[in-house]
Amino acid sequence: MMNPKTYTILGCVFILVSGLIFTLERLRVAIVFVGENVSQGSFRASPLSPSIADNLASIIFLVISIVFFYKAKSGKKSKFKLQGRL
């Protein structure tokens, strides 16, 4: 079993990869938008931007990162115990 720090690092890596995939997809759409406008001579007002749900890989990496963060949080033992005082 891995320690909570390892789970936290893996969660950060997976969330960064998810963001990188989403950013590269948006960059690809912007490049295609510019290429279409230059080649056709006319242009749309704005590119059709993809949503987060359009790319299954970024969603999977995001879910995996959430799972790793949950495992990191549940693996830590609390230093303070709740006392039943009112």
C-alpha atoms as a PDB file:
ATOM      1  CA  MET A   1       0.000   0.000   0.000  1.00  0.00           C
ATOM      2  CA  MET A   2       1.270   3.465  -0.864  1.00  0.00           C
ATOM      3  CA  ASN A   3       1.513   6.311   1.580  1.00  0.00           C
ATOM      4  CA  PRO A   4      -0.743   9.416   1.344  1.00  0.00           C
ATOM      5  CA  LYS A   5       2.036  11.572  -0.109  1.00  0.00           C
ATOM      6  CA  THR A   6       2.378   9.222  -3.095  1.00  0.00           C
ATOM      7  CA  TYR A   7      -1.390   9.339  -3.678  1.00  0.00           C
ATOM      8  CA  THR A   8      -1.291  13.143  -3.551  1.00  0.00           C
ATOM      9  CA  ILE A   9       1.558  13.308  -6.073  1.00  0.00           C
ATOM     10  CA  LEU A  10      -0.229  10.887  -8.397  1.00  0.00           C
ATOM     11  CA  GLY A  11      -3.433  12.925  -8.070  1.00  0.00           C
ATOM     12  CA  CYS A  12      -1.545  16.084  -9.031  1.00  0.00           C
ATOM     13  CA  VAL A  13       0.085  14.369 -12.007  1.00  0.00           C
ATOM     14  CA  PHE A  14      -3.223  13.023 -13.304  1.00  0.00           C
ATOM     15  CA  ILE A  15      -5.019  16.355 -12.907  1.00  0.00           C
ATOM     16  CA  LEU A  16      -2.170  18.123 -14.738  1.00  0.00           C
ATOM     17  CA  VAL A  17      -2.312  15.578 -17.571  1.00  0.00           C
ATOM     18  CA  SER A  18      -6.083  16.050 -17.794  1.00  0.00           C
ATOM     19  CA  GLY A  19      -5.639  19.814 -18.066  1.00  0.00           C
ATOM     20  CA  LEU A  20      -2.860  19.400 -20.636  1.00  0.00           C
ATOM     21  CA  ILE A  21      -5.017  17.156 -22.823  1.00  0.00           C
ATOM     22  CA  PHE A  22      -7.909  19.622 -22.633  1.00  0.00           C
ATOM     23  CA  THR A  23      -5.619  22.567 -23.433  1.00  0.00           C
ATOM     24  CA  LEU A  24      -4.061  20.792 -26.410  1.00  0.00           C
ATOM     25  CA  GLU A  25      -7.518  19.999 -27.749  1.00  0.00           C
ATOM     26  CA  ARG A  26      -8.557  23.645 -27.485  1.00  0.00           C
ATOM     27  CA  LEU A  27      -5.301  24.689 -29.167  1.00  0.00           C
ATOM     28  CA  ARG A  28      -5.986  22.258 -32.009  1.00  0.00           C
ATOM     29  CA  VAL A  29      -9.465  23.754 -32.507  1.00  0.00           C
ATOM     30  CA  ALA A  30      -7.999  27.271 -32.592  1.00  0.00           C
ATOM     31  CA  ILE A  31      -5.370  26.278 -35.183  1.00  0.00           C
ATOM     32  CA  VAL A  32      -8.003  24.606 -37.370  1.00  0.00           C
ATOM     33  CA  PHE A  33     -10.203  27.713 -37.011  1.00  0.00           C
ATOM     34  CA  VAL A  34      -7.391  29.977 -38.226  1.00  0.00           C
ATOM     35  CA  GLY A  35      -6.537  27.576 -41.069  1.00  0.00           C
ATOM     36  CA  GLU A  36     -10.138  27.457 -42.271  1.00  0.00           C
ATOM     37  CA  ASN A  37     -10.454  31.226 -42.175  1.00  0.00           C
ATOM     38  CA  VAL A  38      -7.280  31.786 -44.161  1.00  0.00           C
ATOM     39  CA  SER A  39      -8.097  29.168 -46.797  1.00  0.00           C
ATOM     40  CA  GLN A  40     -11.744  30.170 -47.330  1.00  0.00           C
ATOM     41  CA  GLY A  41     -11.409  33.919 -47.157  1.00  0.00           C
ATOM     42  CA  SER A  42     -14.481  34.172 -44.928  1.00  0.00           C
ATOM     43  CA  PHE A  43     -14.707  33.365 -41.287  1.00  0.00           C
ATOM     44  CA  ARG A  44     -17.025  32.602 -38.416  1.00  0.00           C
ATOM     45  CA  ALA A  45     -17.110  34.957 -35.483  1.00  0.00           C
ATOM     46  CA  SER A  46     -15.555  32.462 -33.078  1.00  0.00           C
ATOM     47  CA  PRO A  47     -14.295  28.868 -33.148  1.00  0.00           C
ATOM     48  CA  LEU A  48     -16.467  26.037 -31.909  1.00  0.00           C
ATOM     49  CA  SER A  49     -14.796  25.439 -28.561  1.00  0.00           C
ATOM     50  CA  PRO A  50     -14.942  21.905 -27.183  1.00  0.00           C
ATOM     51  CA  SER A  51     -16.417  21.311 -23.770  1.00  0.00           C
ATOM     52  CA  ILE A  52     -14.842  19.166 -21.076  1.00  0.00           C
ATOM     53  CA  ALA A  53     -17.295  16.349 -21.922  1.00  0.00           C
ATOM     54  CA  ASP A  54     -16.094  16.096 -25.543  1.00  0.00           C
ATOM     55  CA  ASN A  55     -12.838  14.367 -24.679  1.00  0.00           C
ATOM     56  CA  LEU A  56     -13.215  11.078 -22.822  1.00  0.00           C
ATOM     57  CA  ALA A  57      -9.496  10.862 -21.965  1.00  0.00           C
ATOM     58  CA  SER A  58      -9.484  14.133 -20.010  1.00  0.00           C
ATOM     59  CA  ILE A  59     -12.564  13.016 -18.051  1.00  0.00           C
ATOM     60  CA  ILE A  60     -10.940   9.668 -17.213  1.00  0.00           C
ATOM     61  CA  PHE A  61      -7.741  11.339 -16.011  1.00  0.00           C
ATOM     62  CA  LEU A  62      -9.781  13.808 -13.952  1.00  0.00           C
ATOM     63  CA  VAL A  63     -11.748  10.997 -12.280  1.00  0.00           C
ATOM     64  CA  ILE A  64      -8.545   9.057 -11.566  1.00  0.00           C
ATOM     65  CA  SER A  65      -7.018  12.158  -9.959  1.00  0.00           C
ATOM     66  CA  ILE A  66     -10.077  12.604  -7.745  1.00  0.00           C
ATOM     67  CA  VAL A  67      -9.800   8.960  -6.671  1.00  0.00           C
ATOM     68  CA  PHE A  68      -6.121   9.436  -5.787  1.00  0.00           C
ATOM     69  CA  PHE A  69      -6.892  12.594  -3.785  1.00  0.00           C
ATOM     70  CA  TYR A  70      -9.642  10.731  -1.931  1.00  0.00           C
ATOM     71  CA  LYS A  71      -7.274   7.861  -1.139  1.00  0.00           C
ATOM     72  CA  ALA A  72      -4.652  10.342   0.085  1.00  0.00           C
ATOM     73  CA  LYS A  73      -7.180  12.044   2.346  1.00  0.00           C
ATOM     74  CA  SER A  74      -8.647   8.812   3.718  1.00  0.00           C
ATOM     75  CA  GLY A  75      -5.185   7.351   4.338  1.00  0.00           C
ATOM     76  CA  LYS A  76      -4.080  10.129   6.676  1.00  0.00           C
ATOM     77  CA  LYS A  77      -4.712   9.701  10.365  1.00  0.00           C
ATOM     78  CA  SER A  78      -6.020  12.751  12.121  1.00  0.00           C
ATOM     79  CA  LYS A  79      -3.801  14.171  14.852  1.00  0.00           C
ATOM     80  CA  PHE A  80      -6.753  15.588  16.728  1.00  0.00           C
ATOM     81  CA  LYS A  81      -9.627  13.523  18.041  1.00  0.00           C
ATOM     82  CA  LEU A  82     -13.045  15.010  18.416  1.00  0.00           C
ATOM     83  CA  GLN A  83     -14.097  15.220  22.015  1.00  0.00           C
ATOM     84  CA  GLY A  84     -17.742  14.737  22.889  1.00  0.00           C
ATOM     85  CA  ARG A  85     -18.037  17.929  24.992  1.00  0.00           C
ATOM     86  CA  LEU A  86     -20.816  20.468  24.648  1.00  0.00           C
END
